[in-house]
Each structure stands twice: as C-alpha cells, then as structure tokens.
Amino acid sequence: KKGIGYLPQEASIFRRLTVDDNIMAILQMLDLPDKERKERQEKLLEELGIVKVRKTMGYQLSGGERRRTEIARALATEPKFILLDEPFAGVDPIAVEDIMNIVANLKNKNIGILITDHNVHETLSIVDRAYILINGQIFKEGTADLLAKDNDVRKMYLGEKFRLDRYSED
C-alpha cells in the first residue's frame, strides 16, 4: 500500500501452493477486478521467466525458481521501491546471474532498489551507489569503482586482493 516491496532473505513463498497461487495470494489482497489480477499475474510470470513452473508447488522449486517467484510476489503490488535482503542467498551461480538481470530490468523501469547483501562482487556490479557498513555505521559510500579502489575499504572489508572485474573476459 505504501509503494514499497520487500524480498526477505529467508524463503517466503507458501510451500504448499503453486507458483500461480503464490502470486495470486498477493494479488487477492489488492482491490482489483479479477481480469486485472489475472493480467498482472500473467505479466509477472512472463517477466520473471516462471511460466513453465506456474503449476509447480513451492516446495518443488529450485532456489532460483523460488527466488524469482518471491520477486514476482514482491512486484505484484507494483511498488515504486523494493528492498532486497540478501537476494543472492541460497541460489546457484546461474540463478545469481538471472537475479542480477532482473534487478537491471527493475532499474530500467525506474523502480528504486535497496540491496543488502554480502555477495560483494555481484552486488557492486549492479548498483549505482554502495554503502559499506561496519558495526552498523556507514564506513564509506560511493560508486562501485570508487569503493573497490579505496585503500581503507580494501583493508577493512573487501580484502587487499579484491578485484571488481573478476568476471571480465581477457
């Protein structure tokens, strides 16, 4: 209702409901005509690449499928801003890449995104601005490139050998 979506770190889908029903559970809470609910559900299934698993029960989903379903649920209310808490937790490397692409698409739709995550490479590769927290306080802030080159950040958080471009092709 406040225009904010939330993706918790821990699994948040209904394990005994299908992907369809998980998304519809959120849409049912909105004051929308049935036709619009169905249209929004179809759009989310399509956008998040989960059409093929729409009839699959929550407990049968892979980590990546579960995460995409959870993101669909968070987007069902059409938030202007979304908080992603450890979005890369518990998913395989291919799913991490999928989630990175989803986040890029959300940015392109002008949805504000706040990510809290310990997967530094993945997170820094998709954010416009980052904040390094130490003991609950902002230690440094800036662009990914600026933080990756900052000696204090490397010493206190990233490590001396940290390279932002570890995935770049040579």
Protein backbone atom coordinates (compact mmCIF):
# COMPACT_ATOMS: atom_id res chain seq x y z
CA LYS A 1 0.00 0.00 0.00
CA LYS A 2 2.89 2.36 0.67
CA GLY A 3 4.56 1.61 -2.67
CA ILE A 4 7.32 -0.48 -1.12
CA GLY A 5 8.04 -4.12 -1.98
CA TYR A 6 10.13 -6.40 0.22
CA LEU A 7 12.06 -9.58 -0.55
CA PRO A 8 13.20 -11.18 2.71
CA GLN A 9 16.40 -13.22 2.92
CA GLU A 10 14.64 -16.37 4.12
CA ALA A 11 12.22 -18.31 1.92
CA SER A 12 8.89 -16.50 1.89
CA ILE A 13 6.71 -18.46 -0.51
CA PHE A 14 3.89 -20.73 0.52
CA ARG A 15 5.45 -24.15 0.10
CA ARG A 16 2.14 -25.97 -0.41
CA LEU A 17 0.83 -23.57 -3.05
CA THR A 18 1.71 -23.47 -6.74
CA VAL A 19 3.67 -20.59 -8.23
CA ASP A 20 0.37 -19.32 -9.71
CA ASP A 21 -1.33 -19.44 -6.31
CA ASN A 22 1.63 -17.81 -4.56
CA ILE A 23 1.39 -14.78 -6.82
CA MET A 24 -2.40 -14.72 -6.72
CA ALA A 25 -2.32 -14.78 -2.89
CA ILE A 26 -0.74 -11.32 -3.01
CA LEU A 27 -2.95 -10.06 -5.83
CA GLN A 28 -6.09 -11.13 -3.92
CA MET A 29 -5.24 -8.58 -1.25
CA LEU A 30 -5.44 -5.75 -3.79
CA ASP A 31 -8.66 -4.01 -4.70
CA LEU A 32 -8.56 -5.01 -8.37
CA PRO A 33 -11.07 -6.52 -10.79
CA ASP A 34 -10.45 -10.25 -11.39
CA LYS A 35 -9.47 -9.59 -15.01
CA GLU A 36 -6.75 -7.15 -13.95
CA ARG A 37 -5.46 -9.60 -11.31
CA LYS A 38 -5.10 -12.32 -13.97
CA GLU A 39 -3.40 -9.91 -16.37
CA ARG A 40 -0.94 -8.79 -13.72
CA GLN A 41 -0.25 -12.42 -12.76
CA GLU A 42 0.45 -13.37 -16.41
CA LYS A 43 2.73 -10.36 -16.84
CA LEU A 44 4.75 -11.27 -13.73
CA LEU A 45 5.06 -14.93 -14.74
CA GLU A 46 6.30 -13.85 -18.16
CA GLU A 47 8.66 -11.10 -16.97
CA LEU A 48 10.29 -13.33 -14.37
CA GLY A 49 10.59 -16.38 -16.60
CA ILE A 50 8.48 -18.66 -14.41
CA VAL A 51 5.64 -19.53 -16.81
CA LYS A 52 6.97 -23.08 -17.19
CA VAL A 53 6.81 -23.70 -13.42
CA ARG A 54 3.49 -21.95 -12.78
CA LYS A 55 1.75 -25.20 -11.69
CA THR A 56 4.71 -26.36 -9.58
CA MET A 57 4.33 -26.46 -5.81
CA GLY A 58 6.55 -24.12 -3.82
CA TYR A 59 8.46 -26.93 -2.12
CA GLN A 60 9.42 -28.38 -5.53
CA LEU A 61 11.08 -25.24 -6.89
CA SER A 62 14.82 -24.81 -7.34
CA GLY A 63 16.47 -21.99 -5.41
CA GLY A 64 16.42 -19.73 -8.47
CA GLU A 65 12.78 -20.51 -9.32
CA ARG A 66 11.80 -19.86 -5.71
CA ARG A 67 13.66 -16.54 -5.71
CA ARG A 68 12.02 -15.42 -8.97
CA THR A 69 8.61 -16.38 -7.55
CA GLU A 70 9.35 -14.35 -4.42
CA ILE A 71 10.38 -11.38 -6.56
CA ALA A 72 7.13 -11.73 -8.54
CA ARG A 73 5.20 -11.62 -5.27
CA ALA A 74 7.12 -8.51 -4.17
CA LEU A 75 6.34 -6.84 -7.52
CA ALA A 76 2.65 -7.82 -7.54
CA THR A 77 1.69 -4.61 -5.74
CA GLU A 78 3.60 -2.55 -8.35
CA PRO A 79 5.88 -0.88 -5.81
CA LYS A 80 7.87 2.25 -6.61
CA PHE A 81 10.68 0.98 -4.38
CA ILE A 82 11.82 -2.51 -3.43
CA LEU A 83 14.07 -3.74 -0.62
CA LEU A 84 16.01 -6.89 -1.49
CA ASP A 85 17.51 -8.54 1.60
CA GLU A 86 20.30 -10.93 0.56
CA PRO A 87 18.73 -11.65 -2.87
CA PHE A 88 21.64 -13.93 -3.85
CA ALA A 89 21.46 -16.11 -0.72
CA GLY A 90 20.81 -19.80 -1.31
CA VAL A 91 20.84 -19.73 -5.10
CA ASP A 92 23.25 -21.24 -7.62
CA PRO A 93 25.55 -19.11 -9.84
CA ILE A 94 23.19 -19.24 -12.85
CA ALA A 95 20.30 -18.06 -10.69
CA VAL A 96 22.52 -15.27 -9.31
CA GLU A 97 23.05 -14.09 -12.88
CA ASP A 98 19.27 -14.26 -13.50
CA ILE A 99 18.61 -12.17 -10.39
CA MET A 100 21.23 -9.64 -11.48
CA ASN A 101 19.39 -9.31 -14.82
CA ILE A 102 16.04 -8.94 -13.02
CA VAL A 103 17.49 -6.14 -10.88
CA ALA A 104 18.82 -4.42 -14.01
CA ASN A 105 15.32 -4.63 -15.54
CA LEU A 106 13.78 -3.15 -12.38
CA LYS A 107 16.25 -0.25 -12.57
CA ASN A 108 15.24 0.31 -16.21
CA LYS A 109 11.61 0.56 -15.06
CA ASN A 110 12.62 3.28 -12.58
CA ILE A 111 11.87 1.14 -9.55
CA GLY A 112 14.11 2.21 -6.68
CA ILE A 113 16.10 -0.68 -5.23
CA LEU A 114 17.89 -1.10 -1.91
CA ILE A 115 20.00 -4.25 -1.68
CA THR A 116 21.59 -5.63 1.47
CA ASP A 117 23.95 -8.46 0.61
CA HIS A 118 27.32 -9.98 1.44
CA ASN A 119 27.98 -11.10 -2.15
CA VAL A 120 30.14 -8.08 -2.87
CA HIS A 121 31.06 -8.77 -6.50
CA GLU A 122 27.50 -9.42 -7.59
CA THR A 123 26.07 -6.50 -5.65
CA LEU A 124 28.68 -3.95 -6.71
CA SER A 125 28.26 -4.96 -10.35
CA ILE A 126 24.58 -3.89 -10.41
CA VAL A 127 24.34 -0.89 -8.09
CA ASP A 128 24.72 2.80 -8.86
CA ARG A 129 25.87 3.60 -5.34
CA ALA A 130 27.01 1.47 -2.42
CA TYR A 131 27.44 1.93 1.30
CA ILE A 132 29.92 -0.12 3.31
CA LEU A 133 28.71 -0.61 6.88
CA ILE A 134 30.99 -1.58 9.72
CA ASN A 135 29.50 -2.12 13.18
CA GLY A 136 26.19 -0.70 11.97
CA GLN A 137 27.72 2.61 10.86
CA ILE A 138 28.38 3.88 7.34
CA PHE A 139 32.12 3.45 6.87
CA LYS A 140 32.35 4.60 3.24
CA GLU A 141 29.98 5.34 0.38
CA GLY A 142 30.35 5.83 -3.34
CA THR A 143 30.27 4.15 -6.71
CA ALA A 144 31.40 0.54 -7.02
CA ASP A 145 34.59 1.62 -8.79
CA LEU A 146 35.43 4.22 -6.17
CA LEU A 147 34.89 1.79 -3.28
CA ALA A 148 36.83 -1.02 -4.99
CA LYS A 149 39.85 1.28 -5.30
CA ASP A 150 39.60 2.78 -1.81
CA ASN A 151 42.52 1.56 0.33
CA ASP A 152 40.56 1.84 3.60
CA VAL A 153 37.64 -0.17 2.18
CA ARG A 154 40.02 -2.82 0.83
CA LYS A 155 41.81 -3.03 4.17
CA MET A 156 38.69 -3.14 6.37
CA TYR A 157 36.16 -5.00 4.21
CA LEU A 158 36.99 -6.13 0.68
CA GLY A 159 40.49 -7.51 1.17
CA GLU A 160 43.73 -6.34 -0.40
CA LYS A 161 43.41 -8.62 -3.46
CA PHE A 162 39.81 -7.66 -4.26
CA ARG A 163 39.14 -7.07 -7.97
CA LEU A 164 35.84 -5.68 -9.16
CA ASP A 165 36.39 -7.12 -12.63
CA ARG A 166 36.93 -10.76 -11.65
CA TYR A 167 34.43 -11.92 -14.28
CA SER A 168 35.72 -9.81 -17.15
CA GLU A 169 36.92 -11.63 -20.24
CA ASP A 170 40.62 -11.39 -21.03
